[in-house]
Amino acid sequence: MLYLLFLLAHLFAALIFIGTVFFEVLILAHLHRHLPARVMVQVEQGVGQRARALMPWVLLVLFGAGIGMVWLRYRPILAAPLASAFGALLSLKLILAASVLLHFVLTMLRMRRGRVSARYLRFIHLSLFAHMVAIVLLAKSMFYLSW
């Protein structure tokens, strides 16, 4: 039962995080063509403020539940990750997840120091987008691929 709670918390947090990244990359970034610059600045500031307030909590749930899932069910598999396709794919997924967390922490630190440009944010969003696509593909593939 505890594993199910971790799984559901992890899935809902992933939906929020991935949905936010997808929204910023696929929708928000393309509004520049349709909205005046001053409106776009206000929209980006509003979205950014909300994301900065919400995402630390979302990531806490996402990673906390993920760690709980690994602890309860996948520790033996990760003891020898290359012994199975599932272990190898899970290990790769965890490496990508750690990279996502590192992206987030470094960006938050840069924001506190006032060293975040629009170009940097664009790069981070695209990188997170690529990470998210890979993580979702790995999360599903783990249960269907074998070698």
Protein backbone atom coordinates (compact mmCIF):
# COMPACT_ATOMS: atom_id res chain seq x y z
CA MET A 1 0.00 0.00 0.00
CA LEU A 2 2.85 2.41 0.79
CA TYR A 3 4.36 1.76 -2.63
CA LEU A 4 1.02 2.66 -4.27
CA LEU A 5 0.95 5.97 -2.37
CA PHE A 6 4.50 6.74 -3.48
CA LEU A 7 3.62 5.78 -7.05
CA LEU A 8 0.55 8.02 -7.17
CA ALA A 9 2.37 10.96 -5.59
CA HIS A 10 5.24 10.47 -8.05
CA LEU A 11 2.88 10.32 -11.04
CA PHE A 12 0.93 13.44 -10.07
CA ALA A 13 4.10 15.42 -9.34
CA ALA A 14 5.54 14.25 -12.67
CA LEU A 15 2.37 15.39 -14.45
CA ILE A 16 2.69 18.85 -12.93
CA PHE A 17 6.42 19.16 -13.62
CA ILE A 18 6.33 17.74 -17.14
CA GLY A 19 3.18 19.69 -17.96
CA THR A 20 4.83 22.92 -16.84
CA VAL A 21 7.95 22.26 -18.91
CA PHE A 22 5.87 21.31 -21.96
CA PHE A 23 3.72 24.43 -21.54
CA GLU A 24 6.77 26.69 -21.32
CA VAL A 25 8.52 25.11 -24.32
CA LEU A 26 5.64 24.34 -26.66
CA ILE A 27 3.16 27.11 -25.88
CA LEU A 28 4.64 30.02 -23.95
CA ALA A 29 7.77 30.32 -26.08
CA HIS A 30 5.65 30.67 -29.23
CA LEU A 31 3.37 33.39 -27.89
CA HIS A 32 6.04 35.99 -28.66
CA ARG A 33 4.78 36.13 -32.24
CA HIS A 34 1.22 36.88 -31.19
CA LEU A 35 1.47 39.19 -28.20
CA PRO A 36 3.00 42.63 -27.74
CA ALA A 37 6.38 42.59 -25.99
CA ARG A 38 5.10 44.34 -22.84
CA VAL A 39 2.27 41.81 -22.48
CA MET A 40 4.66 38.93 -23.03
CA VAL A 41 6.97 40.23 -20.30
CA GLN A 42 4.03 40.35 -17.89
CA VAL A 43 2.91 36.85 -18.84
CA GLU A 44 6.42 35.43 -18.44
CA GLN A 45 6.87 37.17 -15.10
CA GLY A 46 3.54 35.84 -13.83
CA VAL A 47 4.24 32.29 -14.98
CA GLY A 48 7.79 32.49 -13.64
CA GLN A 49 6.68 33.69 -10.21
CA ARG A 50 4.11 30.92 -9.93
CA ALA A 51 6.58 28.28 -11.14
CA ARG A 52 9.26 29.43 -8.66
CA ALA A 53 6.74 29.16 -5.82
CA LEU A 54 5.27 25.80 -6.85
CA MET A 55 8.13 23.81 -8.40
CA PRO A 56 10.27 23.31 -5.28
CA TRP A 57 7.31 21.56 -3.63
CA VAL A 58 6.50 19.58 -6.76
CA LEU A 59 10.11 18.43 -7.04
CA LEU A 60 10.19 17.55 -3.34
CA VAL A 61 7.19 15.26 -3.83
CA LEU A 62 8.51 13.94 -7.16
CA PHE A 63 11.95 13.03 -5.84
CA GLY A 64 10.76 12.02 -2.36
CA ALA A 65 8.22 9.60 -3.79
CA GLY A 66 10.75 8.37 -6.37
CA ILE A 67 13.28 7.63 -3.64
CA GLY A 68 10.56 5.87 -1.65
CA MET A 69 9.68 3.72 -4.66
CA VAL A 70 13.32 2.80 -5.23
CA TRP A 71 13.78 1.99 -1.55
CA LEU A 72 10.69 -0.22 -1.30
CA ARG A 73 10.85 -2.09 -4.58
CA TYR A 74 13.95 -1.50 -6.72
CA ARG A 75 16.95 -1.62 -4.37
CA PRO A 76 17.81 -5.22 -5.27
CA ILE A 77 17.66 -4.43 -8.98
CA LEU A 78 19.92 -1.40 -8.56
CA ALA A 79 22.46 -3.51 -6.65
CA ALA A 80 23.39 -4.97 -10.07
CA PRO A 81 21.91 -2.51 -12.57
CA LEU A 82 23.51 -4.02 -15.66
CA ALA A 83 22.22 -7.52 -14.90
CA SER A 84 18.89 -6.76 -16.58
CA ALA A 85 17.40 -4.40 -19.13
CA PHE A 86 15.05 -3.10 -16.44
CA GLY A 87 17.96 -2.27 -14.13
CA ALA A 88 19.95 -0.59 -16.88
CA LEU A 89 17.00 1.51 -18.05
CA LEU A 90 16.04 2.40 -14.47
CA SER A 91 19.62 3.46 -13.79
CA LEU A 92 19.63 5.66 -16.87
CA LYS A 93 16.30 7.15 -15.81
CA LEU A 94 17.71 7.92 -12.35
CA ILE A 95 20.79 9.57 -13.88
CA LEU A 96 18.55 11.78 -16.03
CA ALA A 97 16.39 12.58 -13.00
CA ALA A 98 19.50 13.62 -11.05
CA SER A 99 20.44 15.85 -13.98
CA VAL A 100 16.98 17.46 -13.88
CA LEU A 101 17.43 18.16 -10.18
CA LEU A 102 20.86 19.63 -10.84
CA HIS A 103 19.42 21.86 -13.60
CA PHE A 104 16.78 23.10 -11.18
CA VAL A 105 19.15 23.75 -8.27
CA LEU A 106 21.71 25.55 -10.44
CA THR A 107 19.02 27.69 -12.03
CA MET A 108 17.58 28.64 -8.63
CA LEU A 109 21.06 29.58 -7.40
CA ARG A 110 21.69 31.66 -10.52
CA MET A 111 18.33 33.39 -10.06
CA ARG A 112 19.21 34.37 -6.50
CA ARG A 113 22.44 35.89 -7.77
CA GLY A 114 20.69 37.67 -10.64
CA ARG A 115 22.66 35.76 -13.27
CA VAL A 116 19.83 34.34 -15.39
CA SER A 117 19.34 35.61 -18.91
CA ALA A 118 16.51 34.84 -21.32
CA ARG A 119 18.97 32.81 -23.40
CA TYR A 120 19.99 30.73 -20.37
CA LEU A 121 16.33 30.07 -19.48
CA ARG A 122 15.60 29.02 -23.06
CA PHE A 123 18.51 26.56 -22.93
CA ILE A 124 17.38 25.18 -19.56
CA HIS A 125 13.80 24.75 -20.72
CA LEU A 126 14.88 22.93 -23.88
CA SER A 127 17.27 20.73 -21.92
CA LEU A 128 14.58 19.89 -19.36
CA PHE A 129 12.17 19.19 -22.20
CA ALA A 130 14.61 16.69 -23.72
CA HIS A 131 15.25 15.14 -20.29
CA MET A 132 11.50 14.79 -19.67
CA VAL A 133 10.85 13.11 -23.00
CA ALA A 134 13.71 10.67 -22.37
CA ILE A 135 12.57 9.95 -18.79
CA VAL A 136 8.99 9.25 -19.90
CA LEU A 137 10.21 6.95 -22.69
CA LEU A 138 12.49 5.12 -20.27
CA ALA A 139 9.78 4.87 -17.60
CA LYS A 140 7.51 3.06 -20.03
CA SER A 141 10.22 1.11 -21.88
CA MET A 142 11.57 -0.42 -18.66
CA PHE A 143 8.54 -2.67 -18.50
CA TYR A 144 8.60 -3.77 -22.15
CA LEU A 145 12.22 -3.99 -23.29
CA SER A 146 14.55 -6.83 -22.45
CA TRP A 147 17.90 -8.17 -23.60
